[in-house]
């Protein structure tokens, strides 16, 4: 897949990729160095603007920066959150559109774990977030 470091992604989980035309969402598996999932054809010729590959504990994220002609890659884990101040973590469950749940393999919701921090002037701000699939 263009622009995605597949080896950094969890072995299996969910993929959420944002292309200019439309988002792609579904279950995937990593096999023999490739991501296997139904919407793979979207990746043949275009790099997504943003791509999340995640399971319950780990998220690999790639964000393409067109102006700089580069990309940002992050690997975020639940283990990192264990050492964070609990008051700086906010968890919410986000409903998945029914069109992605029709085959019964995708859950009704995914979890977003928002990670906050205080700035130098003591203002609370969103530092990052992690997508998580329900186990």
Foldseek 3Di string as FASTA:
>chain_A
DPPDQQVLAPQWAKKWFAAPVGIDIAIWGQDPNDIDDDVCVVVPPDDTQKMWHEEAFKIWIWHQDVVVRHIDIDIDGVVVVVPDDVVQKDKDWDADDVVHCVVPPADRTKMKIWGWDADPVRDIDTPDIHIYHDD
